[in-house]
Amino acid sequence: MAKTFKDLIVWKEAKLLVHSIYRQTSGFPKEETYGLISQMRRAALSVPSNIAEGWGSHSTDKQFLQYLNNASGSLAELESHIAIAADEGFLASAHKNQLEDQVKRISYLINRFRDRLN
């Protein structure tokens, strides 16, 4: 059993996604600083943050499940932003696919975690 949130595979994977999003969005047009760049980074940061907060403050499985649900919602939002960024030509197809693969992996891990708590 994990001792801290940093031991959780799902948190580690979500943290890697944050780094990927920061790398990819650093090449976006400057006019997107307060648009897609900000939105994508915020949504990505929300995923490991919700996992950590839920792990650190949950007193019941039901409370932790709510944090996992919030993380899933942020992942869905990020997936939408990734699709839009690719449609706008800000992401190459290979980068879009890599980010989507990371999102799918984290979504799978969150769902597995939820199943264990239910």
PDB file of N, CA and C in Angstrom:
ATOM      1  N   MET A   1       0.848  -1.191   0.000  1.00  0.00           N
ATOM      2  CA  MET A   1       0.000   0.000   0.000  1.00  0.00           C
ATOM      3  C   MET A   1       0.887   1.245   0.000  1.00  0.00           C
ATOM      4  N   ALA A   2       0.470   2.229  -0.743  1.00  0.00           N
ATOM      5  CA  ALA A   2       1.218   3.482  -0.840  1.00  0.00           C
ATOM      6  C   ALA A   2       1.188   4.226   0.491  1.00  0.00           C
ATOM      7  N   LYS A   3       2.329   4.818   0.842  1.00  0.00           N
ATOM      8  CA  LYS A   3       2.407   5.590   2.082  1.00  0.00           C
ATOM      9  C   LYS A   3       2.027   7.047   1.855  1.00  0.00           C
ATOM     10  N   THR A   4       2.394   7.574   0.697  1.00  0.00           N
ATOM     11  CA  THR A   4       2.032   8.948   0.349  1.00  0.00           C
ATOM     12  C   THR A   4       1.495   8.958  -1.080  1.00  0.00           C
ATOM     13  N   PHE A   5       0.895  10.068  -1.460  1.00  0.00           N
ATOM     14  CA  PHE A   5       0.374  10.180  -2.828  1.00  0.00           C
ATOM     15  C   PHE A   5       1.487  10.037  -3.851  1.00  0.00           C
ATOM     16  N   LYS A   6       2.718  10.390  -3.476  1.00  0.00           N
ATOM     17  CA  LYS A   6       3.848  10.296  -4.405  1.00  0.00           C
ATOM     18  C   LYS A   6       4.186   8.853  -4.759  1.00  0.00           C
ATOM     19  N   ASP A   7       3.691   7.913  -3.967  1.00  0.00           N
ATOM     20  CA  ASP A   7       3.901   6.490  -4.244  1.00  0.00           C
ATOM     21  C   ASP A   7       2.876   5.926  -5.225  1.00  0.00           C
ATOM     22  N   LEU A   8       1.810   6.662  -5.479  1.00  0.00           N
ATOM     23  CA  LEU A   8       0.730   6.183  -6.343  1.00  0.00           C
ATOM     24  C   LEU A   8       1.136   6.262  -7.813  1.00  0.00           C
ATOM     25  N   ILE A   9       0.997   5.165  -8.527  1.00  0.00           N
ATOM     26  CA  ILE A   9       1.325   5.144  -9.958  1.00  0.00           C
ATOM     27  C   ILE A   9       0.479   6.161 -10.711  1.00  0.00           C
ATOM     28  N   VAL A  10      -0.788   6.270 -10.359  1.00  0.00           N
ATOM     29  CA  VAL A  10      -1.674   7.201 -11.055  1.00  0.00           C
ATOM     30  C   VAL A  10      -1.197   8.644 -10.874  1.00  0.00           C
ATOM     31  N   TRP A  11      -0.697   8.992  -9.704  1.00  0.00           N
ATOM     32  CA  TRP A  11      -0.179  10.348  -9.481  1.00  0.00           C
ATOM     33  C   TRP A  11       1.095  10.566 -10.300  1.00  0.00           C
ATOM     34  N   LYS A  12       1.970   9.564 -10.329  1.00  0.00           N
ATOM     35  CA  LYS A  12       3.214   9.668 -11.103  1.00  0.00           C
ATOM     36  C   LYS A  12       2.914   9.870 -12.587  1.00  0.00           C
ATOM     37  N   GLU A  13       1.958   9.097 -13.103  1.00  0.00           N
ATOM     38  CA  GLU A  13       1.583   9.222 -14.517  1.00  0.00           C
ATOM     39  C   GLU A  13       0.960  10.590 -14.801  1.00  0.00           C
ATOM     40  N   ALA A  14       0.133  11.071 -13.886  1.00  0.00           N
ATOM     41  CA  ALA A  14      -0.500  12.382 -14.062  1.00  0.00           C
ATOM     42  C   ALA A  14       0.545  13.491 -14.032  1.00  0.00           C
ATOM     43  N   LYS A  15       1.544  13.339 -13.198  1.00  0.00           N
ATOM     44  CA  LYS A  15       2.629  14.328 -13.131  1.00  0.00           C
ATOM     45  C   LYS A  15       3.409  14.353 -14.445  1.00  0.00           C
ATOM     46  N   LEU A  16       3.640  13.193 -15.028  1.00  0.00           N
ATOM     47  CA  LEU A  16       4.308  13.138 -16.331  1.00  0.00           C
ATOM     48  C   LEU A  16       3.478  13.835 -17.405  1.00  0.00           C
ATOM     49  N   LEU A  17       2.161  13.683 -17.324  1.00  0.00           N
ATOM     50  CA  LEU A  17       1.278  14.362 -18.276  1.00  0.00           C
ATOM     51  C   LEU A  17       1.416  15.877 -18.151  1.00  0.00           C
ATOM     52  N   VAL A  18       1.523  16.375 -16.934  1.00  0.00           N
ATOM     53  CA  VAL A  18       1.713  17.821 -16.732  1.00  0.00           C
ATOM     54  C   VAL A  18       2.971  18.281 -17.468  1.00  0.00           C
ATOM     55  N   HIS A  19       4.063  17.540 -17.312  1.00  0.00           N
ATOM     56  CA  HIS A  19       5.312  17.908 -17.992  1.00  0.00           C
ATOM     57  C   HIS A  19       5.132  17.890 -19.510  1.00  0.00           C
ATOM     58  N   SER A  20       4.435  16.888 -20.017  1.00  0.00           N
ATOM     59  CA  SER A  20       4.186  16.808 -21.464  1.00  0.00           C
ATOM     60  C   SER A  20       3.377  18.002 -21.952  1.00  0.00           C
ATOM     61  N   ILE A  21       2.353  18.377 -21.196  1.00  0.00           N
ATOM     62  CA  ILE A  21       1.515  19.513 -21.587  1.00  0.00           C
ATOM     63  C   ILE A  21       2.330  20.798 -21.574  1.00  0.00           C
ATOM     64  N   TYR A  22       3.143  20.996 -20.559  1.00  0.00           N
ATOM     65  CA  TYR A  22       3.975  22.201 -20.501  1.00  0.00           C
ATOM     66  C   TYR A  22       4.935  22.257 -21.688  1.00  0.00           C
ATOM     67  N   ARG A  23       5.552  21.122 -22.022  1.00  0.00           N
ATOM     68  CA  ARG A  23       6.465  21.091 -23.170  1.00  0.00           C
ATOM     69  C   ARG A  23       5.731  21.443 -24.462  1.00  0.00           C
ATOM     70  N   GLN A  24       4.585  20.798 -24.686  1.00  0.00           N
ATOM     71  CA  GLN A  24       3.860  21.017 -25.937  1.00  0.00           C
ATOM     72  C   GLN A  24       3.303  22.431 -26.045  1.00  0.00           C
ATOM     73  N   THR A  25       2.757  22.952 -24.967  1.00  0.00           N
ATOM     74  CA  THR A  25       2.142  24.283 -25.040  1.00  0.00           C
ATOM     75  C   THR A  25       3.173  25.399 -25.105  1.00  0.00           C
ATOM     76  N   SER A  26       4.422  25.110 -24.774  1.00  0.00           N
ATOM     77  CA  SER A  26       5.452  26.155 -24.853  1.00  0.00           C
ATOM     78  C   SER A  26       5.685  26.597 -26.294  1.00  0.00           C
ATOM     79  N   GLY A  27       5.280  25.769 -27.254  1.00  0.00           N
ATOM     80  CA  GLY A  27       5.425  26.121 -28.661  1.00  0.00           C
ATOM     81  C   GLY A  27       4.178  26.724 -29.288  1.00  0.00           C
ATOM     82  N   PHE A  28       3.128  26.904 -28.517  1.00  0.00           N
ATOM     83  CA  PHE A  28       1.890  27.500 -29.033  1.00  0.00           C
ATOM     84  C   PHE A  28       2.098  28.992 -29.295  1.00  0.00           C
ATOM     85  N   PRO A  29       1.264  29.573 -30.157  1.00  0.00           N
ATOM     86  CA  PRO A  29       1.367  31.015 -30.412  1.00  0.00           C
ATOM     87  C   PRO A  29       1.172  31.827 -29.126  1.00  0.00           C
ATOM     88  N   LYS A  30       1.887  32.938 -29.031  1.00  0.00           N
ATOM     89  CA  LYS A  30       1.816  33.807 -27.844  1.00  0.00           C
ATOM     90  C   LYS A  30       0.396  34.280 -27.563  1.00  0.00           C
ATOM     91  N   GLU A  31      -0.409  34.480 -28.610  1.00  0.00           N
ATOM     92  CA  GLU A  31      -1.779  34.958 -28.388  1.00  0.00           C
ATOM     93  C   GLU A  31      -2.648  33.926 -27.659  1.00  0.00           C
ATOM     94  N   GLU A  32      -2.146  32.708 -27.519  1.00  0.00           N
ATOM     95  CA  GLU A  32      -2.873  31.671 -26.778  1.00  0.00           C
ATOM     96  C   GLU A  32      -2.457  31.591 -25.306  1.00  0.00           C
ATOM     97  N   THR A  33      -1.596  32.517 -24.872  1.00  0.00           N
ATOM     98  CA  THR A  33      -1.115  32.501 -23.483  1.00  0.00           C
ATOM     99  C   THR A  33      -2.262  32.444 -22.488  1.00  0.00           C
ATOM    100  N   TYR A  34      -3.285  33.248 -22.705  1.00  0.00           N
ATOM    101  CA  TYR A  34      -4.421  33.285 -21.777  1.00  0.00           C
ATOM    102  C   TYR A  34      -5.612  32.481 -22.295  1.00  0.00           C
ATOM    103  N   GLY A  35      -5.400  31.768 -23.382  1.00  0.00           N
ATOM    104  CA  GLY A  35      -6.434  30.911 -23.953  1.00  0.00           C
ATOM    105  C   GLY A  35      -6.074  29.453 -23.719  1.00  0.00           C
ATOM    106  N   LEU A  36      -5.768  28.753 -24.804  1.00  0.00           N
ATOM    107  CA  LEU A  36      -5.508  27.313 -24.710  1.00  0.00           C
ATOM    108  C   LEU A  36      -4.324  26.960 -23.814  1.00  0.00           C
ATOM    109  N   ILE A  37      -3.269  27.750 -23.856  1.00  0.00           N
ATOM    110  CA  ILE A  37      -2.105  27.429 -23.016  1.00  0.00           C
ATOM    111  C   ILE A  37      -2.515  27.388 -21.552  1.00  0.00           C
ATOM    112  N   SER A  38      -3.145  28.447 -21.114  1.00  0.00           N
ATOM    113  CA  SER A  38      -3.573  28.536 -19.716  1.00  0.00           C
ATOM    114  C   SER A  38      -4.575  27.441 -19.365  1.00  0.00           C
ATOM    115  N   GLN A  39      -5.544  27.220 -20.237  1.00  0.00           N
ATOM    116  CA  GLN A  39      -6.585  26.226 -19.966  1.00  0.00           C
ATOM    117  C   GLN A  39      -6.023  24.806 -19.922  1.00  0.00           C
ATOM    118  N   MET A  40      -5.127  24.492 -20.859  1.00  0.00           N
ATOM    119  CA  MET A  40      -4.554  23.148 -20.894  1.00  0.00           C
ATOM    120  C   MET A  40      -3.670  22.898 -19.676  1.00  0.00           C
ATOM    121  N   ARG A  41      -2.870  23.886 -19.322  1.00  0.00           N
ATOM    122  CA  ARG A  41      -1.993  23.724 -18.161  1.00  0.00           C
ATOM    123  C   ARG A  41      -2.804  23.610 -16.878  1.00  0.00           C
ATOM    124  N   ARG A  42      -3.841  24.409 -16.750  1.00  0.00           N
ATOM    125  CA  ARG A  42      -4.677  24.371 -15.549  1.00  0.00           C
ATOM    126  C   ARG A  42      -5.358  23.012 -15.416  1.00  0.00           C
ATOM    127  N   ALA A  43      -5.929  22.519 -16.517  1.00  0.00           N
ATOM    128  CA  ALA A  43      -6.609  21.219 -16.482  1.00  0.00           C
ATOM    129  C   ALA A  43      -5.620  20.097 -16.161  1.00  0.00           C
ATOM    130  N   ALA A  44      -4.438  20.150 -16.778  1.00  0.00           N
ATOM    131  CA  ALA A  44      -3.428  19.119 -16.518  1.00  0.00           C
ATOM    132  C   ALA A  44      -2.975  19.146 -15.062  1.00  0.00           C
ATOM    133  N   LEU A  45      -2.719  20.331 -14.536  1.00  0.00           N
ATOM    134  CA  LEU A  45      -2.288  20.462 -13.136  1.00  0.00           C
ATOM    135  C   LEU A  45      -3.343  19.969 -12.156  1.00  0.00           C
ATOM    136  N   SER A  46      -4.590  20.092 -12.532  1.00  0.00           N
ATOM    137  CA  SER A  46      -5.684  19.697 -11.655  1.00  0.00           C
ATOM    138  C   SER A  46      -5.715  18.191 -11.395  1.00  0.00           C
ATOM    139  N   VAL A  47      -5.222  17.403 -12.332  1.00  0.00           N
ATOM    140  CA  VAL A  47      -5.317  15.944 -12.196  1.00  0.00           C
ATOM    141  C   VAL A  47      -4.455  15.431 -11.033  1.00  0.00           C
ATOM    142  N   PRO A  48      -3.121  15.630 -11.060  1.00  0.00           N
ATOM    143  CA  PRO A  48      -2.344  15.136  -9.917  1.00  0.00           C
ATOM    144  C   PRO A  48      -2.673  15.876  -8.625  1.00  0.00           C
ATOM    145  N   SER A  49      -3.080  17.132  -8.744  1.00  0.00           N
ATOM    146  CA  SER A  49      -3.427  17.903  -7.545  1.00  0.00           C
ATOM    147  C   SER A  49      -4.642  17.317  -6.841  1.00  0.00           C
ATOM    148  N   ASN A  50      -5.662  16.932  -7.598  1.00  0.00           N
ATOM    149  CA  ASN A  50      -6.848  16.317  -6.995  1.00  0.00           C
ATOM    150  C   ASN A  50      -6.528  14.957  -6.383  1.00  0.00           C
ATOM    151  N   ILE A  51      -5.680  14.207  -7.046  1.00  0.00           N
ATOM    152  CA  ILE A  51      -5.286  12.905  -6.504  1.00  0.00           C
ATOM    153  C   ILE A  51      -4.538  13.102  -5.185  1.00  0.00           C
ATOM    154  N   ALA A  52      -3.603  14.038  -5.169  1.00  0.00           N
ATOM    155  CA  ALA A  52      -2.832  14.306  -3.947  1.00  0.00           C
ATOM    156  C   ALA A  52      -3.727  14.825  -2.829  1.00  0.00           C
ATOM    157  N   GLU A  53      -4.605  15.761  -3.154  1.00  0.00           N
ATOM    158  CA  GLU A  53      -5.488  16.324  -2.133  1.00  0.00           C
ATOM    159  C   GLU A  53      -6.425  15.259  -1.568  1.00  0.00           C
ATOM    160  N   GLY A  54      -6.962  14.439  -2.441  1.00  0.00           N
ATOM    161  CA  GLY A  54      -7.846  13.372  -1.986  1.00  0.00           C
ATOM    162  C   GLY A  54      -7.127  12.372  -1.097  1.00  0.00           C
ATOM    163  N   TRP A  55      -5.905  12.025  -1.477  1.00  0.00           N
ATOM    164  CA  TRP A  55      -5.122  11.085  -0.682  1.00  0.00           C
ATOM    165  C   TRP A  55      -4.779  11.689   0.679  1.00  0.00           C
ATOM    166  N   GLY A  56      -4.423  12.959   0.675  1.00  0.00           N
ATOM    167  CA  GLY A  56      -3.968  13.597   1.904  1.00  0.00           C
ATOM    168  C   GLY A  56      -5.063  13.974   2.870  1.00  0.00           C
ATOM    169  N   SER A  57      -6.274  14.162   2.364  1.00  0.00           N
ATOM    170  CA  SER A  57      -7.321  14.676   3.251  1.00  0.00           C
ATOM    171  C   SER A  57      -8.533  13.764   3.399  1.00  0.00           C
ATOM    172  N   HIS A  58      -8.550  12.643   2.700  1.00  0.00           N
ATOM    173  CA  HIS A  58      -9.760  11.805   2.772  1.00  0.00           C
ATOM    174  C   HIS A  58      -9.838  11.049   4.093  1.00  0.00           C
ATOM    175  N   SER A  59     -10.990  11.082   4.653  1.00  0.00           N
ATOM    176  CA  SER A  59     -11.215  10.273   5.850  1.00  0.00           C
ATOM    177  C   SER A  59     -12.106   9.080   5.514  1.00  0.00           C
ATOM    178  N   THR A  60     -12.745   9.134   4.347  1.00  0.00           N
ATOM    179  CA  THR A  60     -13.555   8.003   3.891  1.00  0.00           C
ATOM    180  C   THR A  60     -13.282   7.760   2.416  1.00  0.00           C
ATOM    181  N   ASP A  61     -13.556   6.543   1.980  1.00  0.00           N
ATOM    182  CA  ASP A  61     -13.404   6.224   0.562  1.00  0.00           C
ATOM    183  C   ASP A  61     -14.315   7.089  -0.290  1.00  0.00           C
ATOM    184  N   LYS A  62     -15.507   7.386   0.216  1.00  0.00           N
ATOM    185  CA  LYS A  62     -16.460   8.202  -0.539  1.00  0.00           C
ATOM    186  C   LYS A  62     -15.886   9.596  -0.815  1.00  0.00           C
ATOM    187  N   GLN A  63     -15.208  10.175   0.167  1.00  0.00           N
ATOM    188  CA  GLN A  63     -14.605  11.493  -0.036  1.00  0.00           C
ATOM    189  C   GLN A  63     -13.480  11.418  -1.066  1.00  0.00           C
ATOM    190  N   PHE A  64     -12.659  10.377  -0.967  1.00  0.00           N
ATOM    191  CA  PHE A  64     -11.568  10.227  -1.921  1.00  0.00           C
ATOM    192  C   PHE A  64     -12.115  10.009  -3.324  1.00  0.00           C
ATOM    193  N   LEU A  65     -13.212   9.273  -3.439  1.00  0.00           N
ATOM    194  CA  LEU A  65     -13.838   9.062  -4.748  1.00  0.00           C
ATOM    195  C   LEU A  65     -14.217  10.388  -5.401  1.00  0.00           C
ATOM    196  N   GLN A  66     -14.671  11.347  -4.610  1.00  0.00           N
ATOM    197  CA  GLN A  66     -15.037  12.648  -5.169  1.00  0.00           C
ATOM    198  C   GLN A  66     -13.814  13.338  -5.780  1.00  0.00           C
ATOM    199  N   TYR A  67     -12.671  13.239  -5.119  1.00  0.00           N
ATOM    200  CA  TYR A  67     -11.448  13.818  -5.677  1.00  0.00           C
ATOM    201  C   TYR A  67     -11.043  13.103  -6.964  1.00  0.00           C
ATOM    202  N   LEU A  68     -11.214  11.788  -6.994  1.00  0.00           N
ATOM    203  CA  LEU A  68     -10.916  11.045  -8.219  1.00  0.00           C
ATOM    204  C   LEU A  68     -11.878  11.437  -9.338  1.00  0.00           C
ATOM    205  N   ASN A  69     -13.133  11.679  -8.999  1.00  0.00           N
ATOM    206  CA  ASN A  69     -14.099  12.156  -9.994  1.00  0.00           C
ATOM    207  C   ASN A  69     -13.687  13.521 -10.534  1.00  0.00           C
ATOM    208  N   ASN A  70     -13.212  14.392  -9.660  1.00  0.00           N
ATOM    209  CA  ASN A  70     -12.738  15.709 -10.099  1.00  0.00           C
ATOM    210  C   ASN A  70     -11.546  15.566 -11.040  1.00  0.00           C
ATOM    211  N   ALA A  71     -10.635  14.659 -10.707  1.00  0.00           N
ATOM    212  CA  ALA A  71      -9.479  14.415 -11.572  1.00  0.00           C
ATOM    213  C   ALA A  71      -9.933  13.907 -12.939  1.00  0.00           C
ATOM    214  N   SER A  72     -10.927  13.024 -12.960  1.00  0.00           N
ATOM    215  CA  SER A  72     -11.465  12.514 -14.231  1.00  0.00           C
ATOM    216  C   SER A  72     -12.097  13.624 -15.055  1.00  0.00           C
ATOM    217  N   GLY A  73     -12.804  14.515 -14.391  1.00  0.00           N
ATOM    218  CA  GLY A  73     -13.398  15.647 -15.096  1.00  0.00           C
ATOM    219  C   GLY A  73     -12.345  16.534 -15.723  1.00  0.00           C
ATOM    220  N   SER A  74     -11.271  16.779 -15.005  1.00  0.00           N
ATOM    221  CA  SER A  74     -10.179  17.589 -15.550  1.00  0.00           C
ATOM    222  C   SER A  74      -9.511  16.888 -16.726  1.00  0.00           C
ATOM    223  N   LEU A  75      -9.393  15.572 -16.652  1.00  0.00           N
ATOM    224  CA  LEU A  75      -8.833  14.806 -17.775  1.00  0.00           C
ATOM    225  C   LEU A  75      -9.700  14.942 -19.020  1.00  0.00           C
ATOM    226  N   ALA A  76     -11.014  14.858 -18.848  1.00  0.00           N
ATOM    227  CA  ALA A  76     -11.926  15.002 -19.988  1.00  0.00           C
ATOM    228  C   ALA A  76     -11.810  16.400 -20.586  1.00  0.00           C
ATOM    229  N   GLU A  77     -11.723  17.400 -19.724  1.00  0.00           N
ATOM    230  CA  GLU A  77     -11.547  18.774 -20.203  1.00  0.00           C
ATOM    231  C   GLU A  77     -10.246  18.894 -20.990  1.00  0.00           C
ATOM    232  N   LEU A  78      -9.176  18.315 -20.464  1.00  0.00           N
ATOM    233  CA  LEU A  78      -7.885  18.366 -21.139  1.00  0.00           C
ATOM    234  C   LEU A  78      -7.946  17.661 -22.486  1.00  0.00           C
ATOM    235  N   GLU A  79      -8.626  16.537 -22.544  1.00  0.00           N
ATOM    236  CA  GLU A  79      -8.760  15.803 -23.805  1.00  0.00           C
ATOM    237  C   GLU A  79      -9.455  16.665 -24.859  1.00  0.00           C
ATOM    238  N   SER A  80     -10.451  17.419 -24.443  1.00  0.00           N
ATOM    239  CA  SER A  80     -11.134  18.338 -25.350  1.00  0.00           C
ATOM    240  C   SER A  80     -10.181  19.428 -25.836  1.00  0.00           C
ATOM    241  N   HIS A  81      -9.398  19.982 -24.919  1.00  0.00           N
ATOM    242  CA  HIS A  81      -8.431  21.026 -25.290  1.00  0.00           C
ATOM    243  C   HIS A  81      -7.383  20.485 -26.268  1.00  0.00           C
ATOM    244  N   ILE A  82      -6.947  19.254 -26.058  1.00  0.00           N
ATOM    245  CA  ILE A  82      -5.962  18.638 -26.950  1.00  0.00           C
ATOM    246  C   ILE A  82      -6.533  18.529 -28.362  1.00  0.00           C
ATOM    247  N   ALA A  83      -7.773  18.083 -28.475  1.00  0.00           N
ATOM    248  CA  ALA A  83      -8.415  17.959 -29.792  1.00  0.00           C
ATOM    249  C   ALA A  83      -8.519  19.315 -30.479  1.00  0.00           C
ATOM    250  N   ILE A  84      -8.909  20.332 -29.726  1.00  0.00           N
ATOM    251  CA  ILE A  84      -9.041  21.679 -30.295  1.00  0.00           C
ATOM    252  C   ILE A  84      -7.676  22.216 -30.717  1.00  0.00           C
ATOM    253  N   ALA A  85      -6.664  22.020 -29.877  1.00  0.00           N
ATOM    254  CA  ALA A  85      -5.315  22.495 -30.211  1.00  0.00           C
ATOM    255  C   ALA A  85      -4.812  21.831 -31.491  1.00  0.00           C
ATOM    256  N   ALA A  86      -5.097  20.546 -31.651  1.00  0.00           N
ATOM    257  CA  ALA A  86      -4.689  19.843 -32.870  1.00  0.00           C
ATOM    258  C   ALA A  86      -5.459  20.373 -34.073  1.00  0.00           C
ATOM    259  N   ASP A  87      -6.754  20.590 -33.909  1.00  0.00           N
ATOM    260  CA  ASP A  87      -7.569  21.129 -35.003  1.00  0.00           C
ATOM    261  C   ASP A  87      -7.086  22.508 -35.441  1.00  0.00           C
ATOM    262  N   GLU A  88      -6.593  23.289 -34.498  1.00  0.00           N
ATOM    263  CA  GLU A  88      -6.093  24.636 -34.803  1.00  0.00           C
ATOM    264  C   GLU A  88      -4.672  24.618 -35.364  1.00  0.00           C
ATOM    265  N   GLY A  89      -4.068  23.436 -35.428  1.00  0.00           N
ATOM    266  CA  GLY A  89      -2.729  23.303 -35.982  1.00  0.00           C
ATOM    267  C   GLY A  89      -1.613  23.581 -34.989  1.00  0.00           C
ATOM    268  N   PHE A  90      -1.945  23.619 -33.700  1.00  0.00           N
ATOM    269  CA  PHE A  90      -0.940  23.895 -32.674  1.00  0.00           C
ATOM    270  C   PHE A  90      -0.203  22.635 -32.235  1.00  0.00           C
ATOM    271  N   LEU A  91      -0.787  21.466 -32.508  1.00  0.00           N
ATOM    272  CA  LEU A  91      -0.180  20.188 -32.139  1.00  0.00           C
ATOM    273  C   LEU A  91      -0.039  19.311 -33.374  1.00  0.00           C
ATOM    274  N   ALA A  92       1.140  18.770 -33.574  1.00  0.00           N
ATOM    275  CA  ALA A  92       1.338  17.790 -34.639  1.00  0.00           C
ATOM    276  C   ALA A  92       0.579  16.517 -34.273  1.00  0.00           C
ATOM    277  N   SER A  93       0.225  15.752 -35.274  1.00  0.00           N
ATOM    278  CA  SER A  93      -0.549  14.529 -35.064  1.00  0.00           C
ATOM    279  C   SER A  93       0.140  13.579 -34.082  1.00  0.00           C
ATOM    280  N   ALA A  94       1.445  13.424 -34.212  1.00  0.00           N
ATOM    281  CA  ALA A  94       2.181  12.519 -33.319  1.00  0.00           C
ATOM    282  C   ALA A  94       2.110  12.996 -31.872  1.00  0.00           C
ATOM    283  N   HIS A  95       2.215  14.308 -31.667  1.00  0.00           N
ATOM    284  CA  HIS A  95       2.140  14.854 -30.308  1.00  0.00           C
ATOM    285  C   HIS A  95       0.727  14.719 -29.744  1.00  0.00           C
ATOM    286  N   LYS A  96      -0.263  14.953 -30.590  1.00  0.00           N
ATOM    287  CA  LYS A  96      -1.659  14.777 -30.169  1.00  0.00           C
ATOM    288  C   LYS A  96      -1.883  13.337 -29.720  1.00  0.00           C
ATOM    289  N   ASN A  97      -1.419  12.386 -30.537  1.00  0.00           N
ATOM    290  CA  ASN A  97      -1.600  10.970 -30.211  1.00  0.00           C
ATOM    291  C   ASN A  97      -0.901  10.591 -28.908  1.00  0.00           C
ATOM    292  N   GLN A  98       0.299  11.120 -28.706  1.00  0.00           N
ATOM    293  CA  GLN A  98       1.054  10.826 -27.484  1.00  0.00           C
ATOM    294  C   GLN A  98       0.316  11.356 -26.262  1.00  0.00           C
ATOM    295  N   LEU A  99      -0.202  12.578 -26.350  1.00  0.00           N
ATOM    296  CA  LEU A  99      -0.945  13.160 -25.228  1.00  0.00           C
ATOM    297  C   LEU A  99      -2.235  12.386 -24.968  1.00  0.00           C
ATOM    298  N   GLU A 100      -2.922  12.017 -26.034  1.00  0.00           N
ATOM    299  CA  GLU A 100      -4.160  11.241 -25.874  1.00  0.00           C
ATOM    300  C   GLU A 100      -3.888   9.879 -25.241  1.00  0.00           C
ATOM    301  N   ASP A 101      -2.761   9.263 -25.603  1.00  0.00           N
ATOM    302  CA  ASP A 101      -2.396   7.981 -24.988  1.00  0.00           C
ATOM    303  C   ASP A 101      -2.155   8.144 -23.489  1.00  0.00           C
ATOM    304  N   GLN A 102      -1.496   9.234 -23.112  1.00  0.00           N
ATOM    305  CA  GLN A 102      -1.270   9.493 -21.690  1.00  0.00           C
ATOM    306  C   GLN A 102      -2.600   9.703 -20.961  1.00  0.00           C
ATOM    307  N   VAL A 103      -3.494  10.465 -21.573  1.00  0.00           N
ATOM    308  CA  VAL A 103      -4.804  10.715 -20.964  1.00  0.00           C
ATOM    309  C   VAL A 103      -5.555   9.398 -20.773  1.00  0.00           C
ATOM    310  N   LYS A 104      -5.545   8.543 -21.788  1.00  0.00           N
ATOM    311  CA  LYS A 104      -6.247   7.253 -21.693  1.00  0.00           C
ATOM    312  C   LYS A 104      -5.662   6.380 -20.591  1.00  0.00           C
ATOM    313  N   ARG A 105      -4.349   6.364 -20.485  1.00  0.00           N
ATOM    314  CA  ARG A 105      -3.688   5.556 -19.444  1.00  0.00           C
ATOM    315  C   ARG A 105      -4.087   6.050 -18.052  1.00  0.00           C
ATOM    316  N   ILE A 106      -4.068   7.354 -17.846  1.00  0.00           N
ATOM    317  CA  ILE A 106      -4.417   7.912 -16.535  1.00  0.00           C
ATOM    318  C   ILE A 106      -5.891   7.672 -16.236  1.00  0.00           C
ATOM    319  N   SER A 107      -6.733   7.818 -17.230  1.00  0.00           N
ATOM    320  CA  SER A 107      -8.158   7.552 -17.045  1.00  0.00           C
ATOM    321  C   SER A 107      -8.376   6.101 -16.613  1.00  0.00           C
ATOM    322  N   TYR A 108      -7.676   5.191 -17.260  1.00  0.00           N
ATOM    323  CA  TYR A 108      -7.753   3.771 -16.893  1.00  0.00           C
ATOM    324  C   TYR A 108      -7.320   3.559 -15.438  1.00  0.00           C
ATOM    325  N   LEU A 109      -6.210   4.179 -15.049  1.00  0.00           N
ATOM    326  CA  LEU A 109      -5.704   4.019 -13.682  1.00  0.00           C
ATOM    327  C   LEU A 109      -6.665   4.601 -12.651  1.00  0.00           C
ATOM    328  N   ILE A 110      -7.255   5.749 -12.962  1.00  0.00           N
ATOM    329  CA  ILE A 110      -8.235   6.344 -12.046  1.00  0.00           C
ATOM    330  C   ILE A 110      -9.443   5.423 -11.907  1.00  0.00           C
ATOM    331  N   ASN A 111      -9.912   4.880 -13.019  1.00  0.00           N
ATOM    332  CA  ASN A 111     -11.064   3.968 -12.970  1.00  0.00           C
ATOM    333  C   ASN A 111     -10.752   2.707 -12.169  1.00  0.00           C
ATOM    334  N   ARG A 112      -9.550   2.184 -12.303  1.00  0.00           N
ATOM    335  CA  ARG A 112      -9.139   1.016 -11.502  1.00  0.00           C
ATOM    336  C   ARG A 112      -9.123   1.365 -10.021  1.00  0.00           C
ATOM    337  N   PHE A 113      -8.620   2.554  -9.715  1.00  0.00           N
ATOM    338  CA  PHE A 113      -8.568   3.012  -8.327  1.00  0.00           C
ATOM    339  C   PHE A 113      -9.984   3.134  -7.770  1.00  0.00           C
ATOM    340  N   ARG A 114     -10.875   3.714  -8.577  1.00  0.00           N
ATOM    341  CA  ARG A 114     -12.275   3.852  -8.145  1.00  0.00           C
ATOM    342  C   ARG A 114     -12.908   2.490  -7.880  1.00  0.00           C
ATOM    343  N   ASP A 115     -12.638   1.546  -8.756  1.00  0.00           N
ATOM    344  CA  ASP A 115     -13.191   0.198  -8.583  1.00  0.00           C
ATOM    345  C   ASP A 115     -12.732  -0.428  -7.265  1.00  0.00           C
ATOM    346  N   ARG A 116     -11.491  -0.189  -6.898  1.00  0.00           N
ATOM    347  CA  ARG A 116     -10.969  -0.738  -5.640  1.00  0.00           C
ATOM    348  C   ARG A 116     -11.628  -0.091  -4.429  1.00  0.00           C
ATOM    349  N   LEU A 117     -12.031   1.169  -4.562  1.00  0.00           N
ATOM    350  CA  LEU A 117     -12.646   1.877  -3.435  1.00  0.00           C
ATOM    351  C   LEU A 117     -14.134   1.564  -3.289  1.00  0.00           C
ATOM    352  N   ASN A 118     -14.764   1.144  -4.378  1.00  0.00           N
ATOM    353  CA  ASN A 118     -16.210   0.831  -4.327  1.00  0.00           C
ATOM    354  C   ASN A 118     -16.484  -0.529  -3.747  1.00  0.00           C
TER     355      ASN A 118
END
